[in-house]
Full PDB file with SEQRES, HELIX, SHEET, SSBOND, CRYST1, ORIGX, SCALE, CONECT and MASTER records, all heavy atoms in Angstrom:
SEQRES   1 A   40  VAL LEU PHE LYS ALA GLU ALA ILE VAL GLY PRO GLN ASP          
SEQRES   2 A   40  LEU PRO ALA TYR LEU GLY GLN GLY GLU HIS HIS GLY LYS          
SEQRES   3 A   40  VAL SER ASP LEU ALA TYR HIS ASN GLY LEU MET VAL GLN          
SEQRES   4 A   40  VAL                                                          
HELIX    1 AA1 LEU A   14  LEU A   18  5                                   5    
HELIX    2 AA2 GLY A   21  HIS A   23  5                                   3    
HELIX    3 AA3 ASN A   34  GLN A   39  1                                   6    
SHEET    1 AA1 2 LYS A   4  ALA A   5  0                                        
SHEET    2 AA1 2 LEU A  30  ALA A  31  1                                        
CRYST1    1.000    1.000    1.000  90.00  90.00  90.00 P 1           1          
ORIGX1      1.000000  0.000000  0.000000        0.00000                         
ORIGX2      0.000000  1.000000  0.000000        0.00000                         
ORIGX3      0.000000  0.000000  1.000000        0.00000                         
SCALE1      1.000000  0.000000  0.000000        0.00000                         
SCALE2      0.000000  1.000000  0.000000        0.00000                         
SCALE3      0.000000  0.000000  1.000000        0.00000                         
ATOM      1  N   VAL A   1     -71.687  35.689 136.266  1.00  0.00           N  
ATOM      2  CA  VAL A   1     -71.304  36.318 137.534  1.00  0.00           C  
ATOM      3  C   VAL A   1     -71.757  35.451 138.709  1.00  0.00           C  
ATOM      4  O   VAL A   1     -72.880  34.933 138.721  1.00  0.00           O  
ATOM      5  CB  VAL A   1     -71.904  37.733 137.636  1.00  0.00           C  
ATOM      6  CG1 VAL A   1     -71.946  38.217 139.082  1.00  0.00           C  
ATOM      7  CG2 VAL A   1     -71.106  38.710 136.782  1.00  0.00           C  
ATOM      8  N   LEU A   2     -70.868  35.307 139.687  1.00  0.00           N  
ATOM      9  CA  LEU A   2     -71.183  34.552 140.900  1.00  0.00           C  
ATOM     10  C   LEU A   2     -71.210  35.488 142.101  1.00  0.00           C  
ATOM     11  O   LEU A   2     -70.513  36.507 142.130  1.00  0.00           O  
ATOM     12  CB  LEU A   2     -70.129  33.464 141.144  1.00  0.00           C  
ATOM     13  CG  LEU A   2     -69.967  32.380 140.090  1.00  0.00           C  
ATOM     14  CD1 LEU A   2     -68.932  31.364 140.553  1.00  0.00           C  
ATOM     15  CD2 LEU A   2     -71.288  31.687 139.798  1.00  0.00           C  
ATOM     16  N   PHE A   3     -72.000  35.118 143.084  1.00  0.00           N  
ATOM     17  CA  PHE A   3     -72.053  35.830 144.357  1.00  0.00           C  
ATOM     18  C   PHE A   3     -71.389  34.970 145.430  1.00  0.00           C  
ATOM     19  O   PHE A   3     -71.618  33.755 145.493  1.00  0.00           O  
ATOM     20  CB  PHE A   3     -73.494  36.101 144.786  1.00  0.00           C  
ATOM     21  CG  PHE A   3     -74.186  37.194 144.021  1.00  0.00           C  
ATOM     22  CD1 PHE A   3     -75.546  37.393 144.187  1.00  0.00           C  
ATOM     23  CD2 PHE A   3     -73.501  38.009 143.132  1.00  0.00           C  
ATOM     24  CE1 PHE A   3     -76.209  38.397 143.500  1.00  0.00           C  
ATOM     25  CE2 PHE A   3     -74.146  39.013 142.443  1.00  0.00           C  
ATOM     26  CZ  PHE A   3     -75.507  39.212 142.620  1.00  0.00           C  
ATOM     27  N   LYS A   4     -70.608  35.622 146.277  1.00  0.00           N  
ATOM     28  CA  LYS A   4     -69.982  34.953 147.416  1.00  0.00           C  
ATOM     29  C   LYS A   4     -70.410  35.662 148.691  1.00  0.00           C  
ATOM     30  O   LYS A   4     -70.188  36.862 148.853  1.00  0.00           O  
ATOM     31  CB  LYS A   4     -68.451  34.989 147.272  1.00  0.00           C  
ATOM     32  CG  LYS A   4     -67.717  34.395 148.478  1.00  0.00           C  
ATOM     33  CD  LYS A   4     -66.222  34.298 148.238  1.00  0.00           C  
ATOM     34  CE  LYS A   4     -65.566  35.648 148.098  1.00  0.00           C  
ATOM     35  NZ  LYS A   4     -64.078  35.544 148.083  1.00  0.00           N  
ATOM     36  N   ALA A   5     -71.014  34.928 149.590  1.00  0.00           N  
ATOM     37  CA  ALA A   5     -71.509  35.515 150.835  1.00  0.00           C  
ATOM     38  C   ALA A   5     -70.391  35.591 151.866  1.00  0.00           C  
ATOM     39  O   ALA A   5     -69.799  34.577 152.220  1.00  0.00           O  
ATOM     40  CB  ALA A   5     -72.669  34.691 151.386  1.00  0.00           C  
ATOM     41  N   GLU A   6     -70.106  36.821 152.323  1.00  0.00           N  
ATOM     42  CA  GLU A   6     -69.168  37.002 153.432  1.00  0.00           C  
ATOM     43  C   GLU A   6     -70.002  36.970 154.708  1.00  0.00           C  
ATOM     44  O   GLU A   6     -70.307  37.995 155.303  1.00  0.00           O  
ATOM     45  CB  GLU A   6     -68.404  38.326 153.282  1.00  0.00           C  
ATOM     46  CG  GLU A   6     -67.234  38.483 154.248  1.00  0.00           C  
ATOM     47  CD  GLU A   6     -67.564  39.281 155.502  1.00  0.00           C  
ATOM     48  OE1 GLU A   6     -68.544  40.053 155.477  1.00  0.00           O  
ATOM     49  OE2 GLU A   6     -66.850  39.141 156.507  1.00  0.00           O  
ATOM     50  N   ALA A   7     -70.410  35.762 155.072  1.00  0.00           N  
ATOM     51  CA  ALA A   7     -71.261  35.575 156.242  1.00  0.00           C  
ATOM     52  C   ALA A   7     -70.464  34.815 157.291  1.00  0.00           C  
ATOM     53  O   ALA A   7     -70.398  33.585 157.267  1.00  0.00           O  
ATOM     54  CB  ALA A   7     -72.532  34.807 155.865  1.00  0.00           C  
ATOM     55  N   ILE A   8     -69.838  35.560 158.194  1.00  0.00           N  
ATOM     56  CA  ILE A   8     -69.068  34.924 159.263  1.00  0.00           C  
ATOM     57  C   ILE A   8     -70.017  34.786 160.447  1.00  0.00           C  
ATOM     58  O   ILE A   8     -70.038  35.603 161.371  1.00  0.00           O  
ATOM     59  CB  ILE A   8     -67.817  35.749 159.604  1.00  0.00           C  
ATOM     60  CG1 ILE A   8     -67.040  36.074 158.317  1.00  0.00           C  
ATOM     61  CG2 ILE A   8     -66.924  35.001 160.573  1.00  0.00           C  
ATOM     62  CD1 ILE A   8     -66.636  34.857 157.503  1.00  0.00           C  
ATOM     63  N   VAL A   9     -70.838  33.746 160.373  1.00  0.00           N  
ATOM     64  CA  VAL A   9     -71.932  33.562 161.321  1.00  0.00           C  
ATOM     65  C   VAL A   9     -71.843  32.166 161.932  1.00  0.00           C  
ATOM     66  O   VAL A   9     -70.995  31.355 161.552  1.00  0.00           O  
ATOM     67  CB  VAL A   9     -73.297  33.772 160.617  1.00  0.00           C  
ATOM     68  CG1 VAL A   9     -73.390  35.194 160.061  1.00  0.00           C  
ATOM     69  CG2 VAL A   9     -73.500  32.754 159.486  1.00  0.00           C  
ATOM     70  N   GLY A  10     -72.739  31.888 162.850  1.00  0.00           N  
ATOM     71  CA  GLY A  10     -72.752  30.590 163.506  1.00  0.00           C  
ATOM     72  C   GLY A  10     -73.122  29.472 162.546  1.00  0.00           C  
ATOM     73  O   GLY A  10     -73.769  29.705 161.518  1.00  0.00           O  
ATOM     74  N   PRO A  11     -72.726  28.241 162.879  1.00  0.00           N  
ATOM     75  CA  PRO A  11     -72.979  27.108 161.984  1.00  0.00           C  
ATOM     76  C   PRO A  11     -74.447  26.928 161.625  1.00  0.00           C  
ATOM     77  O   PRO A  11     -74.770  26.542 160.498  1.00  0.00           O  
ATOM     78  CB  PRO A  11     -72.459  25.907 162.786  1.00  0.00           C  
ATOM     79  CG  PRO A  11     -71.476  26.489 163.748  1.00  0.00           C  
ATOM     80  CD  PRO A  11     -71.985  27.850 164.090  1.00  0.00           C  
ATOM     81  N   GLN A  12     -75.358  27.235 162.551  1.00  0.00           N  
ATOM     82  CA  GLN A  12     -76.766  27.023 162.272  1.00  0.00           C  
ATOM     83  C   GLN A  12     -77.316  28.018 161.269  1.00  0.00           C  
ATOM     84  O   GLN A  12     -78.318  27.761 160.601  1.00  0.00           O  
ATOM     85  CB  GLN A  12     -77.578  27.085 163.581  1.00  0.00           C  
ATOM     86  CG  GLN A  12     -77.679  28.474 164.193  1.00  0.00           C  
ATOM     87  CD  GLN A  12     -76.452  28.885 164.987  1.00  0.00           C  
ATOM     88  OE1 GLN A  12     -75.455  28.167 165.032  1.00  0.00           O  
ATOM     89  NE2 GLN A  12     -76.511  30.047 165.608  1.00  0.00           N  
ATOM     90  N   ASP A  13     -76.681  29.175 161.145  1.00  0.00           N  
ATOM     91  CA  ASP A  13     -77.152  30.209 160.221  1.00  0.00           C  
ATOM     92  C   ASP A  13     -76.452  30.165 158.876  1.00  0.00           C  
ATOM     93  O   ASP A  13     -76.955  30.731 157.900  1.00  0.00           O  
ATOM     94  CB  ASP A  13     -76.942  31.600 160.839  1.00  0.00           C  
ATOM     95  CG  ASP A  13     -77.765  31.813 162.102  1.00  0.00           C  
ATOM     96  OD1 ASP A  13     -78.974  31.519 162.060  1.00  0.00           O  
ATOM     97  OD2 ASP A  13     -77.194  32.265 163.118  1.00  0.00           O  
ATOM     98  N   LEU A  14     -75.308  29.509 158.790  1.00  0.00           N  
ATOM     99  CA  LEU A  14     -74.468  29.597 157.597  1.00  0.00           C  
ATOM    100  C   LEU A  14     -75.083  28.978 156.343  1.00  0.00           C  
ATOM    101  O   LEU A  14     -75.036  29.588 155.262  1.00  0.00           O  
ATOM    102  CB  LEU A  14     -73.107  28.973 157.909  1.00  0.00           C  
ATOM    103  CG  LEU A  14     -72.002  29.142 156.864  1.00  0.00           C  
ATOM    104  CD1 LEU A  14     -71.819  30.608 156.498  1.00  0.00           C  
ATOM    105  CD2 LEU A  14     -70.697  28.553 157.393  1.00  0.00           C  
ATOM    106  N   PRO A  15     -75.657  27.757 156.393  1.00  0.00           N  
ATOM    107  CA  PRO A  15     -76.161  27.147 155.148  1.00  0.00           C  
ATOM    108  C   PRO A  15     -77.208  27.984 154.427  1.00  0.00           C  
ATOM    109  O   PRO A  15     -77.328  27.882 153.198  1.00  0.00           O  
ATOM    110  CB  PRO A  15     -76.745  25.810 155.636  1.00  0.00           C  
ATOM    111  CG  PRO A  15     -75.978  25.488 156.876  1.00  0.00           C  
ATOM    112  CD  PRO A  15     -75.761  26.827 157.536  1.00  0.00           C  
ATOM    113  N   ALA A  16     -77.950  28.807 155.143  1.00  0.00           N  
ATOM    114  CA  ALA A  16     -78.984  29.621 154.495  1.00  0.00           C  
ATOM    115  C   ALA A  16     -78.405  30.561 153.454  1.00  0.00           C  
ATOM    116  O   ALA A  16     -79.104  30.961 152.507  1.00  0.00           O  
ATOM    117  CB  ALA A  16     -79.753  30.420 155.547  1.00  0.00           C  
ATOM    118  N   TYR A  17     -77.130  30.923 153.593  1.00  0.00           N  
ATOM    119  CA  TYR A  17     -76.520  31.844 152.629  1.00  0.00           C  
ATOM    120  C   TYR A  17     -76.217  31.166 151.294  1.00  0.00           C  
ATOM    121  O   TYR A  17     -75.961  31.841 150.297  1.00  0.00           O  
ATOM    122  CB  TYR A  17     -75.267  32.481 153.230  1.00  0.00           C  
ATOM    123  CG  TYR A  17     -75.637  33.467 154.309  1.00  0.00           C  
ATOM    124  CD1 TYR A  17     -75.819  33.051 155.633  1.00  0.00           C  
ATOM    125  CD2 TYR A  17     -75.876  34.797 154.000  1.00  0.00           C  
ATOM    126  CE1 TYR A  17     -76.210  33.939 156.617  1.00  0.00           C  
ATOM    127  CE2 TYR A  17     -76.269  35.697 154.985  1.00  0.00           C  
ATOM    128  CZ  TYR A  17     -76.438  35.263 156.286  1.00  0.00           C  
ATOM    129  OH  TYR A  17     -76.852  36.152 157.253  1.00  0.00           O  
ATOM    130  N   LEU A  18     -76.258  29.828 151.265  1.00  0.00           N  
ATOM    131  CA  LEU A  18     -76.143  29.092 150.003  1.00  0.00           C  
ATOM    132  C   LEU A  18     -77.500  28.586 149.526  1.00  0.00           C  
ATOM    133  O   LEU A  18     -77.589  27.990 148.454  1.00  0.00           O  
ATOM    134  CB  LEU A  18     -75.162  27.926 150.156  1.00  0.00           C  
ATOM    135  CG  LEU A  18     -73.698  28.339 150.321  1.00  0.00           C  
ATOM    136  CD1 LEU A  18     -72.822  27.126 150.567  1.00  0.00           C  
ATOM    137  CD2 LEU A  18     -73.204  29.124 149.125  1.00  0.00           C  
ATOM    138  N   GLY A  19     -78.545  28.844 150.331  1.00  0.00           N  
ATOM    139  CA  GLY A  19     -79.893  28.553 149.873  1.00  0.00           C  
ATOM    140  C   GLY A  19     -80.557  27.393 150.570  1.00  0.00           C  
ATOM    141  O   GLY A  19     -80.123  26.250 150.457  1.00  0.00           O  
ATOM    142  N   GLN A  20     -81.635  27.701 151.292  1.00  0.00           N  
ATOM    143  CA  GLN A  20     -82.464  26.675 151.930  1.00  0.00           C  
ATOM    144  C   GLN A  20     -83.922  26.988 151.636  1.00  0.00           C  
ATOM    145  O   GLN A  20     -84.300  28.150 151.433  1.00  0.00           O  
ATOM    146  CB  GLN A  20     -82.227  26.638 153.436  1.00  0.00           C  
ATOM    147  CG  GLN A  20     -80.872  26.085 153.844  1.00  0.00           C  
ATOM    148  CD  GLN A  20     -80.700  26.019 155.350  1.00  0.00           C  
ATOM    149  OE1 GLN A  20     -81.016  26.971 156.060  1.00  0.00           O  
ATOM    150  NE2 GLN A  20     -80.174  24.913 155.855  1.00  0.00           N  
ATOM    151  N   GLY A  21     -84.757  25.946 151.636  1.00  0.00           N  
ATOM    152  CA  GLY A  21     -86.182  26.162 151.418  1.00  0.00           C  
ATOM    153  C   GLY A  21     -86.444  26.851 150.087  1.00  0.00           C  
ATOM    154  O   GLY A  21     -85.924  26.445 149.044  1.00  0.00           O  
ATOM    155  N   GLU A  22     -87.247  27.899 150.105  1.00  0.00           N  
ATOM    156  CA  GLU A  22     -87.617  28.584 148.862  1.00  0.00           C  
ATOM    157  C   GLU A  22     -86.431  29.262 148.186  1.00  0.00           C  
ATOM    158  O   GLU A  22     -86.487  29.607 147.007  1.00  0.00           O  
ATOM    159  CB  GLU A  22     -88.706  29.631 149.147  1.00  0.00           C  
ATOM    160  CG  GLU A  22     -88.265  30.747 150.087  1.00  0.00           C  
ATOM    161  CD  GLU A  22     -89.382  31.749 150.348  1.00  0.00           C  
ATOM    162  OE1 GLU A  22     -90.261  31.891 149.465  1.00  0.00           O  
ATOM    163  OE2 GLU A  22     -89.383  32.377 151.415  1.00  0.00           O  
ATOM    164  N   HIS A  23     -85.347  29.452 148.928  1.00  0.00           N  
ATOM    165  CA  HIS A  23     -84.159  30.088 148.357  1.00  0.00           C  
ATOM    166  C   HIS A  23     -83.106  29.072 147.906  1.00  0.00           C  
ATOM    167  O   HIS A  23     -81.992  29.465 147.549  1.00  0.00           O  
ATOM    168  CB  HIS A  23     -83.529  31.035 149.391  1.00  0.00           C  
ATOM    169  CG  HIS A  23     -84.459  32.090 149.897  1.00  0.00           C  
ATOM    170  ND1 HIS A  23     -85.095  32.996 149.075  1.00  0.00           N  
ATOM    171  CD2 HIS A  23     -84.876  32.382 151.154  1.00  0.00           C  
ATOM    172  CE1 HIS A  23     -85.850  33.799 149.796  1.00  0.00           C  
ATOM    173  NE2 HIS A  23     -85.743  33.446 151.052  1.00  0.00           N  
ATOM    174  N   HIS A  24     -83.469  27.781 147.889  1.00  0.00           N  
ATOM    175  CA  HIS A  24     -82.508  26.718 147.573  1.00  0.00           C  
ATOM    176  C   HIS A  24     -81.848  26.977 146.216  1.00  0.00           C  
ATOM    177  O   HIS A  24     -82.518  27.022 145.180  1.00  0.00           O  
ATOM    178  CB  HIS A  24     -83.220  25.369 147.546  1.00  0.00           C  
ATOM    179  CG  HIS A  24     -82.320  24.194 147.297  1.00  0.00           C  
ATOM    180  ND1 HIS A  24     -81.697  23.502 148.314  1.00  0.00           N  
ATOM    181  CD2 HIS A  24     -81.915  23.596 146.146  1.00  0.00           C  
ATOM    182  CE1 HIS A  24     -80.969  22.531 147.803  1.00  0.00           C  
ATOM    183  NE2 HIS A  24     -81.085  22.563 146.483  1.00  0.00           N  
ATOM    184  N   GLY A  25     -80.520  27.158 146.232  1.00  0.00           N  
ATOM    185  CA  GLY A  25     -79.784  27.355 144.994  1.00  0.00           C  
ATOM    186  C   GLY A  25     -80.066  28.664 144.286  1.00  0.00           C  
ATOM    187  O   GLY A  25     -79.702  28.830 143.119  1.00  0.00           O  
ATOM    188  N   LYS A  26     -80.676  29.648 144.979  1.00  0.00           N  
ATOM    189  CA  LYS A  26     -81.082  30.890 144.318  1.00  0.00           C  
ATOM    190  C   LYS A  26     -80.473  32.126 144.955  1.00  0.00           C  
ATOM    191  O   LYS A  26     -80.891  33.249 144.656  1.00  0.00           O  
ATOM    192  CB  LYS A  26     -82.611  31.023 144.330  1.00  0.00           C  
ATOM    193  CG  LYS A  26     -83.340  29.920 143.576  1.00  0.00           C  
ATOM    194  CD  LYS A  26     -84.840  30.094 143.679  1.00  0.00           C  
ATOM    195  CE  LYS A  26     -85.576  28.976 142.943  1.00  0.00           C  
ATOM    196  NZ  LYS A  26     -87.052  29.110 143.078  1.00  0.00           N  
ATOM    197  N   VAL A  27     -79.515  31.940 145.853  1.00  0.00           N  
ATOM    198  CA  VAL A  27     -78.922  33.109 146.514  1.00  0.00           C  
ATOM    199  C   VAL A  27     -77.425  33.144 146.183  1.00  0.00           C  
ATOM    200  O   VAL A  27     -77.063  33.239 145.024  1.00  0.00           O  
ATOM    201  CB  VAL A  27     -79.227  33.114 148.026  1.00  0.00           C  
ATOM    202  CG1 VAL A  27     -80.673  33.542 148.271  1.00  0.00           C  
ATOM    203  CG2 VAL A  27     -79.005  31.750 148.669  1.00  0.00           C  
ATOM    204  N   SER A  28     -76.552  33.069 147.147  1.00  0.00           N  
ATOM    205  CA  SER A  28     -75.123  33.098 146.845  1.00  0.00           C  
ATOM    206  C   SER A  28     -74.659  31.743 146.322  1.00  0.00           C  
ATOM    207  O   SER A  28     -75.181  30.687 146.707  1.00  0.00           O  
ATOM    208  CB  SER A  28     -74.323  33.481 148.094  1.00  0.00           C  
ATOM    209  OG  SER A  28     -74.585  34.823 148.453  1.00  0.00           O  
ATOM    210  N   ASP A  29     -73.670  31.803 145.443  1.00  0.00           N  
ATOM    211  CA  ASP A  29     -73.104  30.587 144.868  1.00  0.00           C  
ATOM    212  C   ASP A  29     -71.973  30.042 145.725  1.00  0.00           C  
ATOM    213  O   ASP A  29     -71.659  28.850 145.674  1.00  0.00           O  
ATOM    214  CB  ASP A  29     -72.568  30.889 143.467  1.00  0.00           C  
ATOM    215  CG  ASP A  29     -73.613  31.548 142.588  1.00  0.00           C  
ATOM    216  OD1 ASP A  29     -74.459  30.818 142.054  1.00  0.00           O  
ATOM    217  OD2 ASP A  29     -73.600  32.794 142.466  1.00  0.00           O  
ATOM    218  N   LEU A  30     -71.328  30.929 146.488  1.00  0.00           N  
ATOM    219  CA  LEU A  30     -70.193  30.585 147.322  1.00  0.00           C  
ATOM    220  C   LEU A  30     -70.398  31.187 148.700  1.00  0.00           C  
ATOM    221  O   LEU A  30     -71.046  32.224 148.848  1.00  0.00           O  
ATOM    222  CB  LEU A  30     -68.893  31.147 146.729  1.00  0.00           C  
ATOM    223  CG  LEU A  30     -68.523  30.749 145.303  1.00  0.00           C  
ATOM    224  CD1 LEU A  30     -67.444  31.679 144.752  1.00  0.00           C  
ATOM    225  CD2 LEU A  30     -68.059  29.301 145.269  1.00  0.00           C  
ATOM    226  N   ALA A  31     -69.835  30.549 149.716  1.00  0.00           N  
ATOM    227  CA  ALA A  31     -69.861  31.107 151.068  1.00  0.00           C  
ATOM    228  C   ALA A  31     -68.629  30.626 151.817  1.00  0.00           C  
ATOM    229  O   ALA A  31     -68.137  29.512 151.587  1.00  0.00           O  
ATOM    230  CB  ALA A  31     -71.134  30.705 151.830  1.00  0.00           C  
ATOM    231  N   TYR A  32     -68.142  31.463 152.715  1.00  0.00           N  
ATOM    232  CA  TYR A  32     -66.952  31.125 153.489  1.00  0.00           C  
ATOM    233  C   TYR A  32     -67.257  30.030 154.515  1.00  0.00           C  
ATOM    234  O   TYR A  32     -68.226  30.139 155.270  1.00  0.00           O  
ATOM    235  CB  TYR A  32     -66.439  32.354 154.228  1.00  0.00           C  
ATOM    236  CG  TYR A  32     -65.735  33.356 153.355  1.00  0.00           C  
ATOM    237  CD1 TYR A  32     -66.376  34.505 152.918  1.00  0.00           C  
ATOM    238  CD2 TYR A  32     -64.414  33.160 152.974  1.00  0.00           C  
ATOM    239  CE1 TYR A  32     -65.730  35.432 152.117  1.00  0.00           C  
ATOM    240  CE2 TYR A  32     -63.751  34.076 152.177  1.00  0.00           C  
ATOM    241  CZ  TYR A  32     -64.416  35.214 151.746  1.00  0.00           C  
ATOM    242  OH  TYR A  32     -63.768  36.117 150.957  1.00  0.00           O  
ATOM    243  N   HIS A  33     -66.416  29.020 154.541  1.00  0.00           N  
ATOM    244  CA  HIS A  33     -66.538  27.972 155.562  1.00  0.00           C  
ATOM    245  C   HIS A  33     -65.670  28.387 156.748  1.00  0.00           C  
ATOM    246  O   HIS A  33     -64.610  27.788 157.013  1.00  0.00           O  
ATOM    247  CB  HIS A  33     -66.100  26.626 155.006  1.00  0.00           C  
ATOM    248  CG  HIS A  33     -66.670  25.458 155.754  1.00  0.00           C  
ATOM    249  ND1 HIS A  33     -66.870  25.478 157.123  1.00  0.00           N  
ATOM    250  CD2 HIS A  33     -67.085  24.231 155.334  1.00  0.00           C  
ATOM    251  CE1 HIS A  33     -67.371  24.325 157.509  1.00  0.00           C  
ATOM    252  NE2 HIS A  33     -67.516  23.541 156.443  1.00  0.00           N  
ATOM    253  N   ASN A  34     -66.144  29.413 157.455  1.00  0.00           N  
ATOM    254  CA  ASN A  34     -65.398  29.923 158.597  1.00  0.00           C  
ATOM    255  C   ASN A  34     -65.177  28.841 159.648  1.00  0.00           C  
ATOM    256  O   ASN A  34     -64.126  28.776 160.286  1.00  0.00           O  
ATOM    257  CB  ASN A  34     -66.151  31.105 159.208  1.00  0.00           C  
ATOM    258  CG  ASN A  34     -65.436  31.699 160.393  1.00  0.00           C  
ATOM    259  OD1 ASN A  34     -64.321  32.174 160.280  1.00  0.00           O  
ATOM    260  ND2 ASN A  34     -66.086  31.677 161.554  1.00  0.00           N  
ATOM    261  N   GLY A  35     -66.173  27.974 159.815  1.00  0.00           N  
ATOM    262  CA  GLY A  35     -66.064  26.930 160.826  1.00  0.00           C  
ATOM    263  C   GLY A  35     -64.903  25.992 160.567  1.00  0.00           C  
ATOM    264  O   GLY A  35     -64.230  25.548 161.508  1.00  0.00           O  
ATOM    265  N   LEU A  36     -64.642  25.668 159.305  1.00  0.00           N  
ATOM    266  CA  LEU A  36     -63.518  24.785 158.998  1.00  0.00           C  
ATOM    267  C   LEU A  36     -62.207  25.449 159.380  1.00  0.00           C  
ATOM    268  O   LEU A  36     -61.327  24.814 159.975  1.00  0.00           O  
ATOM    269  CB  LEU A  36     -63.526  24.431 157.514  1.00  0.00           C  
ATOM    270  CG  LEU A  36     -62.378  23.529 157.050  1.00  0.00           C  
ATOM    271  CD1 LEU A  36     -62.446  22.169 157.732  1.00  0.00           C  
ATOM    272  CD2 LEU A  36     -62.399  23.368 155.528  1.00  0.00           C  
ATOM    273  N   MET A  37     -62.051  26.736 159.051  1.00  0.00           N  
ATOM    274  CA  MET A  37     -60.829  27.456 159.405  1.00  0.00           C  
ATOM    275  C   MET A  37     -60.611  27.439 160.917  1.00  0.00           C  
ATOM    276  O   MET A  37     -59.513  27.137 161.401  1.00  0.00           O  
ATOM    277  CB  MET A  37     -60.903  28.891 158.886  1.00  0.00           C  
ATOM    278  CG  MET A  37     -59.658  29.725 159.127  1.00  0.00           C  
ATOM    279  SD  MET A  37     -59.654  30.637 160.691  1.00  0.00           S  
ATOM    280  CE  MET A  37     -60.949  31.830 160.415  1.00  0.00           C  
ATOM    281  N   VAL A  38     -61.651  27.749 161.673  1.00  0.00           N  
ATOM    282  CA  VAL A  38     -61.534  27.774 163.130  1.00  0.00           C  
ATOM    283  C   VAL A  38     -61.137  26.396 163.656  1.00  0.00           C  
ATOM    284  O   VAL A  38     -60.277  26.265 164.535  1.00  0.00           O  
ATOM    285  CB  VAL A  38     -62.865  28.246 163.757  1.00  0.00           C  
ATOM    286  CG1 VAL A  38     -62.867  28.006 165.272  1.00  0.00           C  
ATOM    287  CG2 VAL A  38     -63.092  29.726 163.452  1.00  0.00           C  
ATOM    288  N   GLN A  39     -61.752  25.355 163.115  1.00  0.00           N  
ATOM    289  CA  GLN A  39     -61.480  24.008 163.620  1.00  0.00           C  
ATOM    290  C   GLN A  39     -60.083  23.519 163.244  1.00  0.00           C  
ATOM    291  O   GLN A  39     -59.489  22.725 163.979  1.00  0.00           O  
ATOM    292  CB  GLN A  39     -62.543  23.026 163.114  1.00  0.00           C  
ATOM    293  CG  GLN A  39     -63.944  23.298 163.646  1.00  0.00           C  
ATOM    294  CD  GLN A  39     -64.045  23.220 165.159  1.00  0.00           C  
ATOM    295  OE1 GLN A  39     -63.209  22.588 165.830  1.00  0.00           O  
ATOM    296  NE2 GLN A  39     -65.053  23.856 165.722  1.00  0.00           N  
ATOM    297  N   VAL A  40     -59.535  23.998 162.138  1.00  0.00           N  
ATOM    298  CA  VAL A  40     -58.144  23.653 161.812  1.00  0.00           C  
ATOM    299  C   VAL A  40     -57.225  24.107 162.933  1.00  0.00           C  
ATOM    300  O   VAL A  40     -56.382  23.346 163.441  1.00  0.00           O  
ATOM    301  CB  VAL A  40     -57.717  24.283 160.471  1.00  0.00           C  
ATOM    302  CG1 VAL A  40     -56.197  24.227 160.309  1.00  0.00           C  
ATOM    303  CG2 VAL A  40     -58.394  23.566 159.308  1.00  0.00           C  
TER     304      VAL A  40                                                      
MASTER        0    0    0    3    2    0    0    6  303    1    0    4          
END                                                                             
């Protein structure tokens, strides 16, 4: 089973949903790249 974070947040907050620091690689496996969609 995989987790996908529906985190439509600012660029500075987004990477944390895929894991930073002590949560590196231990939270959601997928996250929406909302910023890419907006920039398209």
